[in-house]
């Protein structure tokens, strides 16, 4: 396949994902010597990555482990699921020949939340998946690398930024950005919201005052 055909195939995959919210999460692109980490936006009719300059001074070669040993799963369109955001599939839901070390496999297998969700076989909204990763000390970013799910779906790889030898100061900044995005969107997912009496009163005070 020519580079032009590969680019078109990737664009065909990215565009529908963008319409479902891909522009709300950080995307890492490591083609060339200078990596880009930022948000997808339309600029002059083209989809481009608006680089956030988080990786200033970092070379693409330093980030190779993110793809080679940091794949966590994939994102794809939601299909028939009840959530409207993109869907996240854990690694065991992906059709990917991955040889995980015992240490890394153990870390992924141990990554759970209080609801019993396990990161390895997780299927859910991208933001619930991201929250699960963050809570278990993974730092998810999307890479422009296509993956397939075992159900035949096509998507993009989600990888762990912590897999690369990046300075802790940079990791903290990226982690803060990802957390803000996740927290902002999880508020909108009613299934994940548990309100205490004070929060309920604050959110619905206009209705309560009329009753």
C-alpha atoms as a PDB file:
ATOM      1  CA  UNK A   1       0.000   0.000   0.000  1.00  0.00           C
ATOM      2  CA  UNK A   2       1.338   3.430  -0.965  1.00  0.00           C
ATOM      3  CA  UNK A   3       1.844   6.180   1.611  1.00  0.00           C
ATOM      4  CA  UNK A   4      -0.996   8.112  -0.036  1.00  0.00           C
ATOM      5  CA  UNK A   5      -3.340   5.116   0.334  1.00  0.00           C
ATOM      6  CA  UNK A   6      -2.261   4.585   3.950  1.00  0.00           C
ATOM      7  CA  UNK A   7      -2.950   8.239   4.709  1.00  0.00           C
ATOM      8  CA  UNK A   8      -6.414   8.023   3.131  1.00  0.00           C
ATOM      9  CA  UNK A   9      -7.237   4.838   5.062  1.00  0.00           C
ATOM     10  CA  UNK A  10      -6.195   6.458   8.346  1.00  0.00           C
ATOM     11  CA  UNK A  11      -8.194   9.596   7.527  1.00  0.00           C
ATOM     12  CA  UNK A  12     -11.258   7.480   6.769  1.00  0.00           C
ATOM     13  CA  UNK A  13     -10.890   5.971  10.239  1.00  0.00           C
ATOM     14  CA  UNK A  14     -10.169   9.220  12.087  1.00  0.00           C
ATOM     15  CA  UNK A  15     -12.962  11.397  10.653  1.00  0.00           C
ATOM     16  CA  UNK A  16     -15.932   9.461  12.110  1.00  0.00           C
ATOM     17  CA  UNK A  17     -14.082   9.157  15.434  1.00  0.00           C
ATOM     18  CA  UNK A  18     -13.565  12.916  15.410  1.00  0.00           C
ATOM     19  CA  UNK A  19     -17.301  13.434  14.934  1.00  0.00           C
ATOM     20  CA  UNK A  20     -17.890  11.330  18.054  1.00  0.00           C
ATOM     21  CA  UNK A  21     -15.462  13.227  20.277  1.00  0.00           C
ATOM     22  CA  UNK A  22     -11.886  12.310  19.336  1.00  0.00           C
ATOM     23  CA  UNK A  23     -11.048  16.022  19.425  1.00  0.00           C
ATOM     24  CA  UNK A  24     -11.650  16.005  23.195  1.00  0.00           C
ATOM     25  CA  UNK A  25      -8.669  13.802  24.072  1.00  0.00           C
ATOM     26  CA  UNK A  26      -4.913  14.124  23.583  1.00  0.00           C
ATOM     27  CA  UNK A  27      -3.504  12.550  20.425  1.00  0.00           C
ATOM     28  CA  UNK A  28       0.164  11.592  20.070  1.00  0.00           C
ATOM     29  CA  UNK A  29       1.810  11.498  16.630  1.00  0.00           C
ATOM     30  CA  UNK A  30       5.462  10.484  16.333  1.00  0.00           C
ATOM     31  CA  UNK A  31       6.161  10.666  12.588  1.00  0.00           C
ATOM     32  CA  UNK A  32       9.421  12.498  11.902  1.00  0.00           C
ATOM     33  CA  UNK A  33      11.943  13.663  14.492  1.00  0.00           C
ATOM     34  CA  UNK A  34       9.597  15.997  16.387  1.00  0.00           C
ATOM     35  CA  UNK A  35       6.582  14.397  18.096  1.00  0.00           C
ATOM     36  CA  UNK A  36       3.219  16.126  18.318  1.00  0.00           C
ATOM     37  CA  UNK A  37       0.912  15.851  21.317  1.00  0.00           C
ATOM     38  CA  UNK A  38      -2.275  17.845  21.197  1.00  0.00           C
ATOM     39  CA  UNK A  39      -5.885  17.992  20.067  1.00  0.00           C
ATOM     40  CA  UNK A  40      -7.322  17.291  16.648  1.00  0.00           C
ATOM     41  CA  UNK A  41      -8.988  20.344  15.095  1.00  0.00           C
ATOM     42  CA  UNK A  42     -10.239  21.361  11.683  1.00  0.00           C
ATOM     43  CA  UNK A  43      -8.035  24.033  10.182  1.00  0.00           C
ATOM     44  CA  UNK A  44      -8.689  25.335   6.667  1.00  0.00           C
ATOM     45  CA  UNK A  45     -10.822  22.287   5.951  1.00  0.00           C
ATOM     46  CA  UNK A  46      -8.194  19.776   7.124  1.00  0.00           C
ATOM     47  CA  UNK A  47      -7.864  17.734  10.285  1.00  0.00           C
ATOM     48  CA  UNK A  48      -4.629  18.655  12.046  1.00  0.00           C
ATOM     49  CA  UNK A  49      -3.107  18.173  15.495  1.00  0.00           C
ATOM     50  CA  UNK A  50      -2.880  21.418  17.430  1.00  0.00           C
ATOM     51  CA  UNK A  51       0.338  20.743  19.331  1.00  0.00           C
ATOM     52  CA  UNK A  52       0.235  21.717  23.016  1.00  0.00           C
ATOM     53  CA  UNK A  53       4.075  21.906  23.182  1.00  0.00           C
ATOM     54  CA  UNK A  54       4.138  19.498  26.120  1.00  0.00           C
ATOM     55  CA  UNK A  55       6.939  17.517  24.480  1.00  0.00           C
ATOM     56  CA  UNK A  56       9.269  20.396  23.658  1.00  0.00           C
ATOM     57  CA  UNK A  57      12.827  19.048  23.613  1.00  0.00           C
ATOM     58  CA  UNK A  58      11.668  15.416  23.366  1.00  0.00           C
ATOM     59  CA  UNK A  59      12.607  13.423  20.255  1.00  0.00           C
ATOM     60  CA  UNK A  60      10.331  10.885  18.596  1.00  0.00           C
ATOM     61  CA  UNK A  61      12.921   8.170  19.184  1.00  0.00           C
ATOM     62  CA  UNK A  62      12.424   8.575  22.939  1.00  0.00           C
ATOM     63  CA  UNK A  63       8.740   7.753  22.571  1.00  0.00           C
ATOM     64  CA  UNK A  64       9.114   4.460  20.689  1.00  0.00           C
ATOM     65  CA  UNK A  65       8.339   2.374  23.839  1.00  0.00           C
ATOM     66  CA  UNK A  66       4.872   3.943  24.023  1.00  0.00           C
ATOM     67  CA  UNK A  67       3.841   2.002  20.934  1.00  0.00           C
ATOM     68  CA  UNK A  68       6.133  -1.007  21.318  1.00  0.00           C
ATOM     69  CA  UNK A  69       5.260  -1.831  24.923  1.00  0.00           C
ATOM     70  CA  UNK A  70       2.652   0.675  26.082  1.00  0.00           C
ATOM     71  CA  UNK A  71      -0.522  -0.334  24.208  1.00  0.00           C
ATOM     72  CA  UNK A  72      -3.466  -0.426  26.626  1.00  0.00           C
ATOM     73  CA  UNK A  73      -6.399  -0.917  24.250  1.00  0.00           C
ATOM     74  CA  UNK A  74      -8.274   0.966  21.545  1.00  0.00           C
ATOM     75  CA  UNK A  75     -11.075   3.433  20.973  1.00  0.00           C
ATOM     76  CA  UNK A  76     -13.758   3.002  18.333  1.00  0.00           C
ATOM     77  CA  UNK A  77     -17.269   4.150  17.474  1.00  0.00           C
ATOM     78  CA  UNK A  78     -19.949   3.261  20.011  1.00  0.00           C
ATOM     79  CA  UNK A  79     -22.050   0.951  17.845  1.00  0.00           C
ATOM     80  CA  UNK A  80     -25.085  -0.327  19.742  1.00  0.00           C
ATOM     81  CA  UNK A  81     -23.892   0.677  23.205  1.00  0.00           C
ATOM     82  CA  UNK A  82     -25.966   2.964  25.421  1.00  0.00           C
ATOM     83  CA  UNK A  83     -23.309   5.656  25.804  1.00  0.00           C
ATOM     84  CA  UNK A  84     -22.903   8.376  23.161  1.00  0.00           C
ATOM     85  CA  UNK A  85     -19.158   8.928  23.494  1.00  0.00           C
ATOM     86  CA  UNK A  86     -16.483   6.801  21.869  1.00  0.00           C
ATOM     87  CA  UNK A  87     -16.053   3.250  23.151  1.00  0.00           C
ATOM     88  CA  UNK A  88     -12.892   1.996  24.839  1.00  0.00           C
ATOM     89  CA  UNK A  89     -11.853  -1.654  24.464  1.00  0.00           C
ATOM     90  CA  UNK A  90      -9.318  -3.183  26.815  1.00  0.00           C
ATOM     91  CA  UNK A  91      -6.386  -5.136  25.400  1.00  0.00           C
ATOM     92  CA  UNK A  92      -8.114  -8.522  25.566  1.00  0.00           C
ATOM     93  CA  UNK A  93     -10.929  -7.138  23.401  1.00  0.00           C
ATOM     94  CA  UNK A  94      -8.418  -6.220  20.669  1.00  0.00           C
ATOM     95  CA  UNK A  95      -7.246  -8.471  17.853  1.00  0.00           C
ATOM     96  CA  UNK A  96      -3.602  -7.764  18.572  1.00  0.00           C
ATOM     97  CA  UNK A  97      -0.690 -10.156  18.864  1.00  0.00           C
ATOM     98  CA  UNK A  98       0.849  -8.718  21.993  1.00  0.00           C
ATOM     99  CA  UNK A  99       3.507 -10.470  24.048  1.00  0.00           C
ATOM    100  CA  UNK A 100       3.141  -8.868  27.454  1.00  0.00           C
ATOM    101  CA  UNK A 101       5.823  -9.420  30.032  1.00  0.00           C
ATOM    102  CA  UNK A 102       4.586 -11.099  33.199  1.00  0.00           C
ATOM    103  CA  UNK A 103       5.101  -7.856  35.088  1.00  0.00           C
ATOM    104  CA  UNK A 104       3.095  -5.727  32.654  1.00  0.00           C
ATOM    105  CA  UNK A 105       0.338  -8.307  32.216  1.00  0.00           C
ATOM    106  CA  UNK A 106       0.052  -8.509  35.987  1.00  0.00           C
ATOM    107  CA  UNK A 107      -0.223  -4.733  36.262  1.00  0.00           C
ATOM    108  CA  UNK A 108      -2.997  -4.605  33.662  1.00  0.00           C
ATOM    109  CA  UNK A 109      -4.822  -7.541  35.178  1.00  0.00           C
ATOM    110  CA  UNK A 110      -4.691  -5.934  38.613  1.00  0.00           C
ATOM    111  CA  UNK A 111      -6.087  -2.622  37.299  1.00  0.00           C
ATOM    112  CA  UNK A 112      -9.652  -2.516  38.612  1.00  0.00           C
ATOM    113  CA  UNK A 113     -12.117  -0.043  40.093  1.00  0.00           C
ATOM    114  CA  UNK A 114     -14.685  -0.283  42.881  1.00  0.00           C
ATOM    115  CA  UNK A 115     -17.344  -1.432  40.407  1.00  0.00           C
ATOM    116  CA  UNK A 116     -15.379  -4.537  39.458  1.00  0.00           C
ATOM    117  CA  UNK A 117     -14.331  -3.268  36.020  1.00  0.00           C
ATOM    118  CA  UNK A 118     -11.013  -4.741  34.873  1.00  0.00           C
ATOM    119  CA  UNK A 119      -8.784  -2.830  32.473  1.00  0.00           C
ATOM    120  CA  UNK A 120      -7.722  -5.868  30.432  1.00  0.00           C
ATOM    121  CA  UNK A 121     -11.234  -6.827  29.278  1.00  0.00           C
ATOM    122  CA  UNK A 122     -12.981  -3.472  29.746  1.00  0.00           C
ATOM    123  CA  UNK A 123     -15.711  -2.344  27.341  1.00  0.00           C
ATOM    124  CA  UNK A 124     -17.281   1.028  28.078  1.00  0.00           C
ATOM    125  CA  UNK A 125     -17.249   4.720  27.312  1.00  0.00           C
ATOM    126  CA  UNK A 126     -13.851   6.251  26.610  1.00  0.00           C
ATOM    127  CA  UNK A 127     -14.103   8.470  29.693  1.00  0.00           C
ATOM    128  CA  UNK A 128     -14.903   5.609  32.084  1.00  0.00           C
ATOM    129  CA  UNK A 129     -12.028   3.690  30.514  1.00  0.00           C
ATOM    130  CA  UNK A 130      -9.684   6.651  30.902  1.00  0.00           C
ATOM    131  CA  UNK A 131     -10.737   7.091  34.534  1.00  0.00           C
ATOM    132  CA  UNK A 132      -9.961   3.436  35.192  1.00  0.00           C
ATOM    133  CA  UNK A 133      -6.504   3.877  33.655  1.00  0.00           C
ATOM    134  CA  UNK A 134      -5.743   7.070  35.562  1.00  0.00           C
ATOM    135  CA  UNK A 135      -6.842   5.536  38.856  1.00  0.00           C
ATOM    136  CA  UNK A 136      -4.384   2.699  38.252  1.00  0.00           C
ATOM    137  CA  UNK A 137      -1.436   4.976  37.371  1.00  0.00           C
ATOM    138  CA  UNK A 138      -1.566   4.669  33.583  1.00  0.00           C
ATOM    139  CA  UNK A 139      -1.543   7.825  31.459  1.00  0.00           C
ATOM    140  CA  UNK A 140      -3.643   7.251  28.321  1.00  0.00           C
ATOM    141  CA  UNK A 141      -3.138   9.052  25.020  1.00  0.00           C
ATOM    142  CA  UNK A 142      -4.472   8.127  21.600  1.00  0.00           C
ATOM    143  CA  UNK A 143      -1.950   7.274  18.893  1.00  0.00           C
ATOM    144  CA  UNK A 144      -2.645   7.456  15.163  1.00  0.00           C
ATOM    145  CA  UNK A 145      -2.143   3.709  14.867  1.00  0.00           C
ATOM    146  CA  UNK A 146      -5.075   1.592  13.679  1.00  0.00           C
ATOM    147  CA  UNK A 147      -6.189  -1.476  15.619  1.00  0.00           C
ATOM    148  CA  UNK A 148      -9.035  -3.943  15.209  1.00  0.00           C
ATOM    149  CA  UNK A 149     -11.343  -5.324  17.847  1.00  0.00           C
ATOM    150  CA  UNK A 150     -12.140  -9.017  18.091  1.00  0.00           C
ATOM    151  CA  UNK A 151     -15.692  -8.077  17.107  1.00  0.00           C
ATOM    152  CA  UNK A 152     -14.420  -6.698  13.774  1.00  0.00           C
ATOM    153  CA  UNK A 153     -14.556  -3.012  14.740  1.00  0.00           C
ATOM    154  CA  UNK A 154     -11.781  -0.625  13.682  1.00  0.00           C
ATOM    155  CA  UNK A 155     -10.230   1.974  15.945  1.00  0.00           C
ATOM    156  CA  UNK A 156      -7.145   3.780  17.168  1.00  0.00           C
ATOM    157  CA  UNK A 157      -4.636   2.607  19.752  1.00  0.00           C
ATOM    158  CA  UNK A 158      -4.686   3.969  23.291  1.00  0.00           C
ATOM    159  CA  UNK A 159      -1.208   3.862  24.834  1.00  0.00           C
ATOM    160  CA  UNK A 160       0.480   4.651  28.132  1.00  0.00           C
ATOM    161  CA  UNK A 161       2.662   7.783  28.099  1.00  0.00           C
ATOM    162  CA  UNK A 162       4.432   6.443  31.179  1.00  0.00           C
ATOM    163  CA  UNK A 163       5.958   3.663  29.052  1.00  0.00           C
ATOM    164  CA  UNK A 164       8.494   6.158  27.659  1.00  0.00           C
ATOM    165  CA  UNK A 165      11.446   7.739  29.518  1.00  0.00           C
ATOM    166  CA  UNK A 166       9.822  11.181  29.717  1.00  0.00           C
ATOM    167  CA  UNK A 167      10.710  13.588  32.564  1.00  0.00           C
ATOM    168  CA  UNK A 168       8.303  13.414  35.506  1.00  0.00           C
ATOM    169  CA  UNK A 169       7.591  17.149  35.223  1.00  0.00           C
ATOM    170  CA  UNK A 170       6.163  16.600  31.719  1.00  0.00           C
ATOM    171  CA  UNK A 171       4.201  13.524  32.797  1.00  0.00           C
ATOM    172  CA  UNK A 172       2.565  15.546  35.583  1.00  0.00           C
ATOM    173  CA  UNK A 173       1.450  18.263  33.167  1.00  0.00           C
ATOM    174  CA  UNK A 174      -0.001  15.751  30.701  1.00  0.00           C
ATOM    175  CA  UNK A 175      -1.652  13.839  33.541  1.00  0.00           C
ATOM    176  CA  UNK A 176      -3.342  17.031  34.751  1.00  0.00           C
ATOM    177  CA  UNK A 177      -4.650  17.776  31.258  1.00  0.00           C
ATOM    178  CA  UNK A 178      -6.054  14.269  30.784  1.00  0.00           C
ATOM    179  CA  UNK A 179      -7.705  14.270  34.217  1.00  0.00           C
ATOM    180  CA  UNK A 180      -9.456  17.587  33.560  1.00  0.00           C
ATOM    181  CA  UNK A 181     -10.872  16.287  30.299  1.00  0.00           C
ATOM    182  CA  UNK A 182     -12.096  13.066  31.891  1.00  0.00           C
ATOM    183  CA  UNK A 183     -13.655  14.748  34.925  1.00  0.00           C
ATOM    184  CA  UNK A 184     -15.433  17.291  32.721  1.00  0.00           C
ATOM    185  CA  UNK A 185     -17.092  14.598  30.641  1.00  0.00           C
ATOM    186  CA  UNK A 186     -17.858  12.102  33.397  1.00  0.00           C
ATOM    187  CA  UNK A 187     -20.114  14.691  35.018  1.00  0.00           C
ATOM    188  CA  UNK A 188     -22.361  14.300  31.980  1.00  0.00           C
ATOM    189  CA  UNK A 189     -22.564  10.519  32.264  1.00  0.00           C
ATOM    190  CA  UNK A 190     -25.446  10.035  34.692  1.00  0.00           C
ATOM    191  CA  UNK A 191     -24.614   6.386  35.267  1.00  0.00           C
ATOM    192  CA  UNK A 192     -21.346   7.408  36.909  1.00  0.00           C
ATOM    193  CA  UNK A 193     -22.733  10.179  39.140  1.00  0.00           C
ATOM    194  CA  UNK A 194     -23.543   9.601  42.781  1.00  0.00           C
ATOM    195  CA  UNK A 195     -24.963  12.705  44.460  1.00  0.00           C
ATOM    196  CA  UNK A 196     -24.925  13.391  48.148  1.00  0.00           C
ATOM    197  CA  UNK A 197     -27.685  15.546  49.663  1.00  0.00           C
ATOM    198  CA  UNK A 198     -25.698  18.795  49.357  1.00  0.00           C
ATOM    199  CA  UNK A 199     -24.787  18.167  45.702  1.00  0.00           C
ATOM    200  CA  UNK A 200     -28.382  17.261  44.875  1.00  0.00           C
ATOM    201  CA  UNK A 201     -29.652  20.453  46.470  1.00  0.00           C
ATOM    202  CA  UNK A 202     -27.087  22.551  44.578  1.00  0.00           C
ATOM    203  CA  UNK A 203     -27.857  21.013  41.179  1.00  0.00           C
ATOM    204  CA  UNK A 204     -31.642  21.048  41.533  1.00  0.00           C
ATOM    205  CA  UNK A 205     -32.261  24.045  43.788  1.00  0.00           C
ATOM    206  CA  UNK A 206     -34.393  25.814  41.176  1.00  0.00           C
ATOM    207  CA  UNK A 207     -36.746  22.867  40.996  1.00  0.00           C
ATOM    208  CA  UNK A 208     -36.782  22.283  44.731  1.00  0.00           C
ATOM    209  CA  UNK A 209     -37.647  25.894  45.462  1.00  0.00           C
ATOM    210  CA  UNK A 210     -40.797  25.615  43.345  1.00  0.00           C
ATOM    211  CA  UNK A 211     -42.089  22.494  45.058  1.00  0.00           C
END
